[in-house]
Amino acid sequence: MNWDRIEGTWKQYKGKALETWADLTDDEFDRVAGKREQMIGLVQQKYGKAKDEAEREVDSWFAKL
């Protein structure tokens, strides 16, 4: 699976993302719309993580799908 597929079916994956990042809102997830870089930036901003740490976290979530 690749990120293009996530973007195309974001509504299906949004619930799983909400389980992982409960502090994020539906509106924030809607703005991200499955885009990897935006997702990394949102996790980085909301949780106060370094970019590389947020990137690993998002990629780890993606690998579990």
PDB file of N, CA and C in Angstrom:
ATOM      1  N   MET A   1       0.852  -1.178   0.000  1.00  0.00           N
ATOM      2  CA  MET A   1       0.000   0.000   0.000  1.00  0.00           C
ATOM      3  C   MET A   1       0.894   1.236   0.000  1.00  0.00           C
ATOM      4  N   ASN A   2       0.406   2.283  -0.638  1.00  0.00           N
ATOM      5  CA  ASN A   2       1.160   3.530  -0.648  1.00  0.00           C
ATOM      6  C   ASN A   2       0.272   4.690  -0.199  1.00  0.00           C
ATOM      7  N   TRP A   3       0.888   5.843  -0.038  1.00  0.00           N
ATOM      8  CA  TRP A   3       0.153   6.995   0.484  1.00  0.00           C
ATOM      9  C   TRP A   3      -0.910   7.494  -0.488  1.00  0.00           C
ATOM     10  N   ASP A   4      -0.726   7.270  -1.775  1.00  0.00           N
ATOM     11  CA  ASP A   4      -1.762   7.667  -2.732  1.00  0.00           C
ATOM     12  C   ASP A   4      -3.060   6.924  -2.447  1.00  0.00           C
ATOM     13  N   ARG A   5      -2.922   5.678  -2.068  1.00  0.00           N
ATOM     14  CA  ARG A   5      -4.102   4.885  -1.734  1.00  0.00           C
ATOM     15  C   ARG A   5      -4.760   5.400  -0.449  1.00  0.00           C
ATOM     16  N   ILE A   6      -3.942   5.785   0.515  1.00  0.00           N
ATOM     17  CA  ILE A   6      -4.471   6.353   1.765  1.00  0.00           C
ATOM     18  C   ILE A   6      -5.271   7.624   1.443  1.00  0.00           C
ATOM     19  N   GLU A   7      -4.699   8.494   0.615  1.00  0.00           N
ATOM     20  CA  GLU A   7      -5.398   9.730   0.250  1.00  0.00           C
ATOM     21  C   GLU A   7      -6.735   9.428  -0.414  1.00  0.00           C
ATOM     22  N   GLY A   8      -6.747   8.439  -1.295  1.00  0.00           N
ATOM     23  CA  GLY A   8      -7.957   8.117  -2.026  1.00  0.00           C
ATOM     24  C   GLY A   8      -9.059   7.518  -1.168  1.00  0.00           C
ATOM     25  N   THR A   9      -8.676   6.889  -0.067  1.00  0.00           N
ATOM     26  CA  THR A   9      -9.659   6.233   0.813  1.00  0.00           C
ATOM     27  C   THR A   9      -9.527   6.751   2.247  1.00  0.00           C
ATOM     28  N   TRP A  10      -9.221   8.015   2.377  1.00  0.00           N
ATOM     29  CA  TRP A  10      -8.932   8.606   3.685  1.00  0.00           C
ATOM     30  C   TRP A  10     -10.058   8.405   4.691  1.00  0.00           C
ATOM     31  N   LYS A  11     -11.291   8.502   4.260  1.00  0.00           N
ATOM     32  CA  LYS A  11     -12.409   8.377   5.199  1.00  0.00           C
ATOM     33  C   LYS A  11     -12.396   7.015   5.887  1.00  0.00           C
ATOM     34  N   GLN A  12     -11.931   5.989   5.196  1.00  0.00           N
ATOM     35  CA  GLN A  12     -11.840   4.661   5.796  1.00  0.00           C
ATOM     36  C   GLN A  12     -10.734   4.589   6.841  1.00  0.00           C
ATOM     37  N   TYR A  13      -9.652   5.297   6.608  1.00  0.00           N
ATOM     38  CA  TYR A  13      -8.498   5.233   7.497  1.00  0.00           C
ATOM     39  C   TYR A  13      -8.541   6.270   8.613  1.00  0.00           C
ATOM     40  N   LYS A  14      -9.385   7.263   8.454  1.00  0.00           N
ATOM     41  CA  LYS A  14      -9.442   8.350   9.437  1.00  0.00           C
ATOM     42  C   LYS A  14      -9.770   7.828  10.838  1.00  0.00           C
ATOM     43  N   GLY A  15     -10.673   6.868  10.955  1.00  0.00           N
ATOM     44  CA  GLY A  15     -11.028   6.306  12.253  1.00  0.00           C
ATOM     45  C   GLY A  15      -9.851   5.643  12.928  1.00  0.00           C
ATOM     46  N   LYS A  16      -9.031   4.944  12.151  1.00  0.00           N
ATOM     47  CA  LYS A  16      -7.840   4.304  12.711  1.00  0.00           C
ATOM     48  C   LYS A  16      -6.825   5.350  13.152  1.00  0.00           C
ATOM     49  N   ALA A  17      -6.740   6.420  12.395  1.00  0.00           N
ATOM     50  CA  ALA A  17      -5.835   7.504  12.773  1.00  0.00           C
ATOM     51  C   ALA A  17      -6.322   8.178  14.060  1.00  0.00           C
ATOM     52  N   LEU A  18      -7.639   8.341  14.182  1.00  0.00           N
ATOM     53  CA  LEU A  18      -8.204   8.932  15.407  1.00  0.00           C
ATOM     54  C   LEU A  18      -7.892   8.078  16.640  1.00  0.00           C
ATOM     55  N   GLU A  19      -7.872   6.765  16.463  1.00  0.00           N
ATOM     56  CA  GLU A  19      -7.523   5.885  17.581  1.00  0.00           C
ATOM     57  C   GLU A  19      -6.079   6.102  18.019  1.00  0.00           C
ATOM     58  N   THR A  20      -5.209   6.354  17.061  1.00  0.00           N
ATOM     59  CA  THR A  20      -3.788   6.529  17.353  1.00  0.00           C
ATOM     60  C   THR A  20      -3.496   7.911  17.925  1.00  0.00           C
ATOM     61  N   TRP A  21      -4.103   8.927  17.350  1.00  0.00           N
ATOM     62  CA  TRP A  21      -3.848  10.314  17.770  1.00  0.00           C
ATOM     63  C   TRP A  21      -5.142  10.938  18.267  1.00  0.00           C
ATOM     64  N   ALA A  22      -5.545  10.560  19.451  1.00  0.00           N
ATOM     65  CA  ALA A  22      -6.841  10.965  20.011  1.00  0.00           C
ATOM     66  C   ALA A  22      -6.942  12.472  20.275  1.00  0.00           C
ATOM     67  N   ASP A  23      -5.816  13.163  20.392  1.00  0.00           N
ATOM     68  CA  ASP A  23      -5.856  14.603  20.651  1.00  0.00           C
ATOM     69  C   ASP A  23      -6.194  15.412  19.408  1.00  0.00           C
ATOM     70  N   LEU A  24      -6.168  14.784  18.254  1.00  0.00           N
ATOM     71  CA  LEU A  24      -6.487  15.485  17.018  1.00  0.00           C
ATOM     72  C   LEU A  24      -7.994  15.444  16.777  1.00  0.00           C
ATOM     73  N   THR A  25      -8.501  16.456  16.134  1.00  0.00           N
ATOM     74  CA  THR A  25      -9.947  16.553  15.906  1.00  0.00           C
ATOM     75  C   THR A  25     -10.324  16.038  14.515  1.00  0.00           C
ATOM     76  N   ASP A  26     -11.614  15.797  14.343  1.00  0.00           N
ATOM     77  CA  ASP A  26     -12.121  15.407  13.027  1.00  0.00           C
ATOM     78  C   ASP A  26     -11.773  16.459  11.974  1.00  0.00           C
ATOM     79  N   ASP A  27     -11.933  17.713  12.329  1.00  0.00           N
ATOM     80  CA  ASP A  27     -11.638  18.796  11.388  1.00  0.00           C
ATOM     81  C   ASP A  27     -10.171  18.788  10.968  1.00  0.00           C
ATOM     82  N   GLU A  28      -9.282  18.554  11.926  1.00  0.00           N
ATOM     83  CA  GLU A  28      -7.854  18.497  11.596  1.00  0.00           C
ATOM     84  C   GLU A  28      -7.568  17.334  10.651  1.00  0.00           C
ATOM     85  N   PHE A  29      -8.173  16.181  10.930  1.00  0.00           N
ATOM     86  CA  PHE A  29      -7.992  15.041  10.038  1.00  0.00           C
ATOM     87  C   PHE A  29      -8.589  15.304   8.667  1.00  0.00           C
ATOM     88  N   ASP A  30      -9.698  16.007   8.614  1.00  0.00           N
ATOM     89  CA  ASP A  30     -10.300  16.347   7.319  1.00  0.00           C
ATOM     90  C   ASP A  30      -9.379  17.255   6.513  1.00  0.00           C
ATOM     91  N   ARG A  31      -8.712  18.197   7.170  1.00  0.00           N
ATOM     92  CA  ARG A  31      -7.781  19.087   6.471  1.00  0.00           C
ATOM     93  C   ARG A  31      -6.573  18.326   5.942  1.00  0.00           C
ATOM     94  N   VAL A  32      -6.105  17.346   6.689  1.00  0.00           N
ATOM     95  CA  VAL A  32      -4.965  16.538   6.267  1.00  0.00           C
ATOM     96  C   VAL A  32      -5.328  15.707   5.036  1.00  0.00           C
ATOM     97  N   ALA A  33      -6.520  15.148   5.046  1.00  0.00           N
ATOM     98  CA  ALA A  33      -7.057  14.371   3.913  1.00  0.00           C
ATOM     99  C   ALA A  33      -6.114  13.285   3.425  1.00  0.00           C
ATOM    100  N   GLY A  34      -5.380  12.677   4.342  1.00  0.00           N
ATOM    101  CA  GLY A  34      -4.520  11.555   3.988  1.00  0.00           C
ATOM    102  C   GLY A  34      -3.178  11.920   3.391  1.00  0.00           C
ATOM    103  N   LYS A  35      -2.839  13.182   3.379  1.00  0.00           N
ATOM    104  CA  LYS A  35      -1.549  13.606   2.822  1.00  0.00           C
ATOM    105  C   LYS A  35      -0.454  13.416   3.875  1.00  0.00           C
ATOM    106  N   ARG A  36       0.561  12.659   3.509  1.00  0.00           N
ATOM    107  CA  ARG A  36       1.609  12.263   4.454  1.00  0.00           C
ATOM    108  C   ARG A  36       2.302  13.457   5.109  1.00  0.00           C
ATOM    109  N   GLU A  37       2.782  14.394   4.309  1.00  0.00           N
ATOM    110  CA  GLU A  37       3.531  15.530   4.867  1.00  0.00           C
ATOM    111  C   GLU A  37       2.660  16.371   5.795  1.00  0.00           C
ATOM    112  N   GLN A  38       1.399  16.560   5.439  1.00  0.00           N
ATOM    113  CA  GLN A  38       0.504  17.325   6.303  1.00  0.00           C
ATOM    114  C   GLN A  38       0.233  16.570   7.593  1.00  0.00           C
ATOM    115  N   MET A  39       0.119  15.260   7.495  1.00  0.00           N
ATOM    116  CA  MET A  39      -0.103  14.429   8.688  1.00  0.00           C
ATOM    117  C   MET A  39       1.095  14.523   9.621  1.00  0.00           C
ATOM    118  N   ILE A  40       2.283  14.452   9.071  1.00  0.00           N
ATOM    119  CA  ILE A  40       3.500  14.571   9.876  1.00  0.00           C
ATOM    120  C   ILE A  40       3.540  15.936  10.559  1.00  0.00           C
ATOM    121  N   GLY A  41       3.251  16.993   9.815  1.00  0.00           N
ATOM    122  CA  GLY A  41       3.252  18.341  10.385  1.00  0.00           C
ATOM    123  C   GLY A  41       2.231  18.506  11.490  1.00  0.00           C
ATOM    124  N   LEU A  42       1.072  17.905  11.319  1.00  0.00           N
ATOM    125  CA  LEU A  42       0.024  18.003  12.333  1.00  0.00           C
ATOM    126  C   LEU A  42       0.426  17.270  13.606  1.00  0.00           C
ATOM    127  N   VAL A  43       0.957  16.067  13.465  1.00  0.00           N
ATOM    128  CA  VAL A  43       1.415  15.309  14.635  1.00  0.00           C
ATOM    129  C   VAL A  43       2.556  16.058  15.318  1.00  0.00           C
ATOM    130  N   GLN A  44       3.447  16.601  14.540  1.00  0.00           N
ATOM    131  CA  GLN A  44       4.577  17.366  15.082  1.00  0.00           C
ATOM    132  C   GLN A  44       4.080  18.568  15.877  1.00  0.00           C
ATOM    133  N   GLN A  45       3.169  19.309  15.310  1.00  0.00           N
ATOM    134  CA  GLN A  45       2.659  20.516  15.958  1.00  0.00           C
ATOM    135  C   GLN A  45       1.833  20.188  17.199  1.00  0.00           C
ATOM    136  N   LYS A  46       0.903  19.277  17.071  1.00  0.00           N
ATOM    137  CA  LYS A  46      -0.048  18.999  18.150  1.00  0.00           C
ATOM    138  C   LYS A  46       0.608  18.321  19.343  1.00  0.00           C
ATOM    139  N   TYR A  47       1.605  17.474  19.082  1.00  0.00           N
ATOM    140  CA  TYR A  47       2.240  16.718  20.157  1.00  0.00           C
ATOM    141  C   TYR A  47       3.623  17.249  20.533  1.00  0.00           C
ATOM    142  N   GLY A  48       4.066  18.311  19.871  1.00  0.00           N
ATOM    143  CA  GLY A  48       5.342  18.927  20.207  1.00  0.00           C
ATOM    144  C   GLY A  48       6.530  18.022  19.942  1.00  0.00           C
ATOM    145  N   LYS A  49       6.481  17.276  18.860  1.00  0.00           N
ATOM    146  CA  LYS A  49       7.548  16.338  18.526  1.00  0.00           C
ATOM    147  C   LYS A  49       8.464  16.945  17.471  1.00  0.00           C
ATOM    148  N   ALA A  50       9.674  16.422  17.428  1.00  0.00           N
ATOM    149  CA  ALA A  50      10.597  16.800  16.360  1.00  0.00           C
ATOM    150  C   ALA A  50      10.080  16.202  15.054  1.00  0.00           C
ATOM    151  N   LYS A  51      10.453  16.809  13.946  1.00  0.00           N
ATOM    152  CA  LYS A  51       9.942  16.349  12.653  1.00  0.00           C
ATOM    153  C   LYS A  51      10.288  14.885  12.399  1.00  0.00           C
ATOM    154  N   ASP A  52      11.530  14.486  12.669  1.00  0.00           N
ATOM    155  CA  ASP A  52      11.915  13.097  12.404  1.00  0.00           C
ATOM    156  C   ASP A  52      11.158  12.117  13.297  1.00  0.00           C
ATOM    157  N   GLU A  53      10.863  12.514  14.516  1.00  0.00           N
ATOM    158  CA  GLU A  53      10.090  11.671  15.422  1.00  0.00           C
ATOM    159  C   GLU A  53       8.641  11.528  14.939  1.00  0.00           C
ATOM    160  N   ALA A  54       8.042  12.631  14.519  1.00  0.00           N
ATOM    161  CA  ALA A  54       6.674  12.594  13.989  1.00  0.00           C
ATOM    162  C   ALA A  54       6.629  11.764  12.714  1.00  0.00           C
ATOM    163  N   GLU A  55       7.647  11.888  11.889  1.00  0.00           N
ATOM    164  CA  GLU A  55       7.707  11.124  10.645  1.00  0.00           C
ATOM    165  C   GLU A  55       7.785   9.623  10.931  1.00  0.00           C
ATOM    166  N   ARG A  56       8.609   9.227  11.884  1.00  0.00           N
ATOM    167  CA  ARG A  56       8.692   7.809  12.263  1.00  0.00           C
ATOM    168  C   ARG A  56       7.360   7.305  12.797  1.00  0.00           C
ATOM    169  N   GLU A  57       6.701   8.122  13.610  1.00  0.00           N
ATOM    170  CA  GLU A  57       5.420   7.729  14.191  1.00  0.00           C
ATOM    171  C   GLU A  57       4.354   7.536  13.112  1.00  0.00           C
ATOM    172  N   VAL A  58       4.271   8.468  12.182  1.00  0.00           N
ATOM    173  CA  VAL A  58       3.288   8.371  11.103  1.00  0.00           C
ATOM    174  C   VAL A  58       3.614   7.177  10.202  1.00  0.00           C
ATOM    175  N   ASP A  59       4.885   6.979   9.886  1.00  0.00           N
ATOM    176  CA  ASP A  59       5.264   5.858   9.043  1.00  0.00           C
ATOM    177  C   ASP A  59       5.023   4.518   9.739  1.00  0.00           C
ATOM    178  N   SER A  60       5.209   4.482  11.042  1.00  0.00           N
ATOM    179  CA  SER A  60       4.937   3.275  11.803  1.00  0.00           C
ATOM    180  C   SER A  60       3.439   2.955  11.775  1.00  0.00           C
ATOM    181  N   TRP A  61       2.601   3.978  11.944  1.00  0.00           N
ATOM    182  CA  TRP A  61       1.153   3.806  11.860  1.00  0.00           C
ATOM    183  C   TRP A  61       0.771   3.270  10.491  1.00  0.00           C
ATOM    184  N   PHE A  62       1.347   3.857   9.453  1.00  0.00           N
ATOM    185  CA  PHE A  62       1.061   3.456   8.086  1.00  0.00           C
ATOM    186  C   PHE A  62       1.458   1.996   7.850  1.00  0.00           C
ATOM    187  N   ALA A  63       2.591   1.580   8.379  1.00  0.00           N
ATOM    188  CA  ALA A  63       3.066   0.209   8.185  1.00  0.00           C
ATOM    189  C   ALA A  63       2.144  -0.811   8.828  1.00  0.00           C
ATOM    190  N   LYS A  64       1.438  -0.422   9.887  1.00  0.00           N
ATOM    191  CA  LYS A  64       0.523  -1.338  10.578  1.00  0.00           C
ATOM    192  C   LYS A  64      -0.792  -1.516   9.827  1.00  0.00           C
ATOM    193  N   LEU A  65      -1.082  -0.649   8.881  1.00  0.00           N
ATOM    194  CA  LEU A  65      -2.344  -0.760   8.142  1.00  0.00           C
ATOM    195  C   LEU A  65      -2.291  -1.942   7.276  1.00  0.00           C
TER     196      LEU A  65
END
